[in-house]
Amino acid sequence: MSGETAIFSIHDKKDYEIHEIVQQVYDALKEKGYNPVNQLVGYILSEDPTYITTYKNARALIRKVDRDDLLQAMLRSYLNV
C-alpha cells in the first residue's frame, strides 16, 4: 500500500457514466444511418427526444441524463479540466 492519497472527484464518476450513455446513443444513431453529431446537438439544444432514435433504447438512455449535467461534462472534457 502506497502512502499517496488518492483524489476522488464526484464529477469523474458522473462524467464517465454520461460518456458511456452518449457513446451508446451515438452508436445507435450511426447504426440507423443518422448523423449522430447533428442529432445529439438538436437534442441538446431543444431537449426534444424525437431527435434520438428508439433503436437500442437510445432515447430512454439519453433522457436519463440531465441536460445541464451533459453540457457540463462535455465542457470539462473539451477543456480537459
N, C-alpha and C. Protein backbone atom coordinates (compact mmCIF):
# COMPACT_ATOMS: atom_id res chain seq x y z
N MET A 1 0.85 -1.18 0.00
CA MET A 1 0.00 0.00 0.00
C MET A 1 0.89 1.24 0.00
N SER A 2 0.65 2.15 -0.92
CA SER A 2 1.47 3.35 -1.01
C SER A 2 0.97 4.42 -0.04
N GLY A 3 1.82 5.38 0.26
CA GLY A 3 1.47 6.43 1.18
C GLY A 3 0.78 7.61 0.51
N GLU A 4 0.55 7.54 -0.79
CA GLU A 4 -0.06 8.65 -1.50
C GLU A 4 -1.58 8.66 -1.30
N THR A 5 -2.12 9.83 -1.27
CA THR A 5 -3.56 9.99 -1.12
C THR A 5 -4.22 9.99 -2.49
N ALA A 6 -5.22 9.16 -2.64
CA ALA A 6 -5.98 9.12 -3.90
C ALA A 6 -6.99 10.26 -3.88
N ILE A 7 -7.09 10.94 -4.99
CA ILE A 7 -8.05 12.04 -5.11
C ILE A 7 -9.25 11.53 -5.89
N PHE A 8 -10.43 11.71 -5.31
CA PHE A 8 -11.66 11.26 -5.93
C PHE A 8 -12.52 12.45 -6.23
N SER A 9 -13.08 12.46 -7.41
CA SER A 9 -13.99 13.54 -7.79
C SER A 9 -15.33 12.93 -8.16
N ILE A 10 -16.39 13.47 -7.61
CA ILE A 10 -17.74 13.02 -7.96
C ILE A 10 -17.99 13.23 -9.44
N HIS A 11 -17.35 14.26 -10.02
CA HIS A 11 -17.52 14.53 -11.44
C HIS A 11 -16.93 13.42 -12.30
N ASP A 12 -15.85 12.82 -11.84
CA ASP A 12 -15.21 11.75 -12.62
C ASP A 12 -16.18 10.61 -12.88
N LYS A 13 -16.84 10.15 -11.85
CA LYS A 13 -17.78 9.03 -11.99
C LYS A 13 -18.98 9.44 -12.83
N LYS A 14 -19.54 10.60 -12.54
CA LYS A 14 -20.71 11.07 -13.28
C LYS A 14 -20.35 11.29 -14.75
N ASP A 15 -19.21 11.91 -15.01
CA ASP A 15 -18.77 12.14 -16.38
C ASP A 15 -18.57 10.84 -17.13
N TYR A 16 -18.03 9.84 -16.45
CA TYR A 16 -17.83 8.53 -17.07
C TYR A 16 -19.18 7.92 -17.45
N GLU A 17 -20.15 7.99 -16.54
CA GLU A 17 -21.49 7.44 -16.81
C GLU A 17 -22.14 8.18 -17.99
N ILE A 18 -22.01 9.49 -18.01
CA ILE A 18 -22.56 10.28 -19.11
C ILE A 18 -21.88 9.89 -20.42
N HIS A 19 -20.56 9.75 -20.38
CA HIS A 19 -19.82 9.36 -21.58
C HIS A 19 -20.32 8.03 -22.12
N GLU A 20 -20.52 7.07 -21.23
CA GLU A 20 -20.99 5.75 -21.65
C GLU A 20 -22.36 5.84 -22.32
N ILE A 21 -23.26 6.61 -21.76
CA ILE A 21 -24.61 6.76 -22.32
C ILE A 21 -24.53 7.46 -23.67
N VAL A 22 -23.79 8.56 -23.75
CA VAL A 22 -23.69 9.29 -25.02
C VAL A 22 -23.05 8.42 -26.09
N GLN A 23 -22.07 7.62 -25.72
CA GLN A 23 -21.44 6.72 -26.69
C GLN A 23 -22.43 5.69 -27.22
N GLN A 24 -23.25 5.13 -26.35
CA GLN A 24 -24.27 4.17 -26.78
C GLN A 24 -25.29 4.81 -27.70
N VAL A 25 -25.71 6.03 -27.36
CA VAL A 25 -26.67 6.75 -28.19
C VAL A 25 -26.05 7.09 -29.54
N TYR A 26 -24.81 7.55 -29.52
CA TYR A 26 -24.07 7.87 -30.75
C TYR A 26 -24.02 6.64 -31.66
N ASP A 27 -23.65 5.50 -31.08
CA ASP A 27 -23.54 4.26 -31.87
C ASP A 27 -24.88 3.85 -32.46
N ALA A 28 -25.96 3.97 -31.68
CA ALA A 28 -27.29 3.61 -32.17
C ALA A 28 -27.70 4.52 -33.33
N LEU A 29 -27.45 5.82 -33.19
CA LEU A 29 -27.78 6.76 -34.26
C LEU A 29 -26.99 6.44 -35.53
N LYS A 30 -25.73 6.17 -35.36
CA LYS A 30 -24.87 5.85 -36.51
C LYS A 30 -25.34 4.57 -37.20
N GLU A 31 -25.67 3.56 -36.42
CA GLU A 31 -26.15 2.29 -36.99
C GLU A 31 -27.43 2.48 -37.78
N LYS A 32 -28.27 3.41 -37.37
CA LYS A 32 -29.52 3.66 -38.08
C LYS A 32 -29.35 4.60 -39.27
N GLY A 33 -28.13 5.09 -39.49
CA GLY A 33 -27.86 5.92 -40.65
C GLY A 33 -28.01 7.41 -40.44
N TYR A 34 -28.18 7.83 -39.21
CA TYR A 34 -28.28 9.25 -38.90
C TYR A 34 -26.89 9.85 -38.74
N ASN A 35 -26.80 11.18 -38.80
CA ASN A 35 -25.59 11.89 -38.45
C ASN A 35 -25.65 12.10 -36.93
N PRO A 36 -24.92 11.31 -36.17
CA PRO A 36 -25.06 11.34 -34.70
C PRO A 36 -24.77 12.70 -34.08
N VAL A 37 -23.78 13.40 -34.59
CA VAL A 37 -23.44 14.71 -34.01
C VAL A 37 -24.60 15.68 -34.21
N ASN A 38 -25.14 15.74 -35.41
CA ASN A 38 -26.26 16.65 -35.67
C ASN A 38 -27.48 16.30 -34.82
N GLN A 39 -27.76 15.02 -34.69
CA GLN A 39 -28.92 14.60 -33.91
C GLN A 39 -28.73 14.92 -32.43
N LEU A 40 -27.53 14.68 -31.91
CA LEU A 40 -27.27 14.99 -30.50
C LEU A 40 -27.31 16.49 -30.23
N VAL A 41 -26.78 17.28 -31.14
CA VAL A 41 -26.84 18.74 -30.99
C VAL A 41 -28.30 19.20 -30.99
N GLY A 42 -29.08 18.67 -31.90
CA GLY A 42 -30.51 19.02 -31.94
C GLY A 42 -31.20 18.68 -30.63
N TYR A 43 -30.89 17.51 -30.09
CA TYR A 43 -31.47 17.12 -28.80
C TYR A 43 -31.01 18.05 -27.68
N ILE A 44 -29.73 18.33 -27.63
CA ILE A 44 -29.20 19.17 -26.55
C ILE A 44 -29.80 20.57 -26.60
N LEU A 45 -29.92 21.13 -27.79
CA LEU A 45 -30.45 22.49 -27.91
C LEU A 45 -31.94 22.57 -27.60
N SER A 46 -32.69 21.56 -28.01
CA SER A 46 -34.15 21.62 -27.87
C SER A 46 -34.70 20.77 -26.73
N GLU A 47 -33.94 19.78 -26.31
CA GLU A 47 -34.37 18.76 -25.36
C GLU A 47 -35.59 17.99 -25.91
N ASP A 48 -35.72 17.97 -27.22
CA ASP A 48 -36.78 17.21 -27.89
C ASP A 48 -36.27 15.79 -28.13
N PRO A 49 -36.85 14.80 -27.45
CA PRO A 49 -36.33 13.44 -27.55
C PRO A 49 -36.50 12.80 -28.93
N THR A 50 -37.32 13.40 -29.79
CA THR A 50 -37.51 12.80 -31.11
C THR A 50 -36.28 12.93 -31.99
N TYR A 51 -35.29 13.71 -31.58
CA TYR A 51 -34.02 13.76 -32.30
C TYR A 51 -33.24 12.45 -32.13
N ILE A 52 -33.61 11.66 -31.12
CA ILE A 52 -32.88 10.44 -30.80
C ILE A 52 -33.74 9.23 -31.14
N THR A 53 -33.15 8.28 -31.82
CA THR A 53 -33.86 7.06 -32.20
C THR A 53 -34.23 6.22 -30.98
N THR A 54 -35.27 5.42 -31.14
CA THR A 54 -35.62 4.48 -30.08
C THR A 54 -34.84 3.18 -30.22
N TYR A 55 -34.11 3.05 -31.33
CA TYR A 55 -33.30 1.86 -31.59
C TYR A 55 -32.31 1.65 -30.45
N LYS A 56 -32.22 0.42 -29.98
CA LYS A 56 -31.34 0.05 -28.87
C LYS A 56 -31.59 0.87 -27.60
N ASN A 57 -32.84 1.32 -27.46
CA ASN A 57 -33.26 2.06 -26.26
C ASN A 57 -32.52 3.39 -26.09
N ALA A 58 -32.00 3.94 -27.19
CA ALA A 58 -31.18 5.15 -27.13
C ALA A 58 -31.95 6.34 -26.56
N ARG A 59 -33.20 6.49 -26.94
CA ARG A 59 -33.98 7.64 -26.46
C ARG A 59 -34.17 7.57 -24.95
N ALA A 60 -34.49 6.41 -24.44
CA ALA A 60 -34.67 6.26 -22.99
C ALA A 60 -33.35 6.49 -22.26
N LEU A 61 -32.25 6.04 -22.85
CA LEU A 61 -30.94 6.23 -22.22
C LEU A 61 -30.58 7.71 -22.11
N ILE A 62 -30.72 8.45 -23.21
CA ILE A 62 -30.30 9.87 -23.19
C ILE A 62 -31.19 10.69 -22.25
N ARG A 63 -32.42 10.27 -22.07
CA ARG A 63 -33.32 11.01 -21.18
C ARG A 63 -32.98 10.80 -19.71
N LYS A 64 -32.14 9.83 -19.40
CA LYS A 64 -31.67 9.61 -18.03
C LYS A 64 -30.65 10.67 -17.62
N VAL A 65 -30.07 11.35 -18.61
CA VAL A 65 -29.01 12.32 -18.35
C VAL A 65 -29.60 13.73 -18.34
N ASP A 66 -29.40 14.44 -17.24
CA ASP A 66 -29.84 15.82 -17.16
C ASP A 66 -29.05 16.65 -18.17
N ARG A 67 -29.74 17.49 -18.91
CA ARG A 67 -29.08 18.27 -19.96
C ARG A 67 -27.97 19.17 -19.41
N ASP A 68 -28.17 19.77 -18.26
CA ASP A 68 -27.12 20.60 -17.65
C ASP A 68 -25.89 19.76 -17.31
N ASP A 69 -26.12 18.56 -16.76
CA ASP A 69 -25.00 17.67 -16.45
C ASP A 69 -24.26 17.26 -17.72
N LEU A 70 -25.02 17.01 -18.78
CA LEU A 70 -24.42 16.63 -20.06
C LEU A 70 -23.53 17.76 -20.60
N LEU A 71 -24.04 18.97 -20.58
CA LEU A 71 -23.26 20.11 -21.07
C LEU A 71 -22.02 20.35 -20.21
N GLN A 72 -22.15 20.23 -18.89
CA GLN A 72 -21.00 20.41 -18.01
C GLN A 72 -19.93 19.35 -18.28
N ALA A 73 -20.36 18.10 -18.43
CA ALA A 73 -19.41 17.02 -18.70
C ALA A 73 -18.71 17.24 -20.03
N MET A 74 -19.46 17.68 -21.03
CA MET A 74 -18.86 17.93 -22.35
C MET A 74 -17.84 19.07 -22.27
N LEU A 75 -18.17 20.11 -21.54
CA LEU A 75 -17.26 21.25 -21.42
C LEU A 75 -16.00 20.87 -20.64
N ARG A 76 -16.17 20.10 -19.55
CA ARG A 76 -15.00 19.64 -18.80
C ARG A 76 -14.10 18.78 -19.69
N SER A 77 -14.70 17.93 -20.48
CA SER A 77 -13.93 17.06 -21.39
C SER A 77 -13.22 17.89 -22.46
N TYR A 78 -13.93 18.84 -23.03
CA TYR A 78 -13.37 19.68 -24.09
C TYR A 78 -12.19 20.51 -23.58
N LEU A 79 -12.33 21.01 -22.35
CA LEU A 79 -11.28 21.86 -21.77
C LEU A 79 -10.23 21.07 -21.00
N ASN A 80 -10.43 19.76 -20.88
CA ASN A 80 -9.53 18.89 -20.13
C ASN A 80 -9.35 19.34 -18.69
N VAL A 81 -10.47 19.67 -18.05
CA VAL A 81 -10.43 20.07 -16.63
C VAL A 81 -11.25 19.13 -15.79
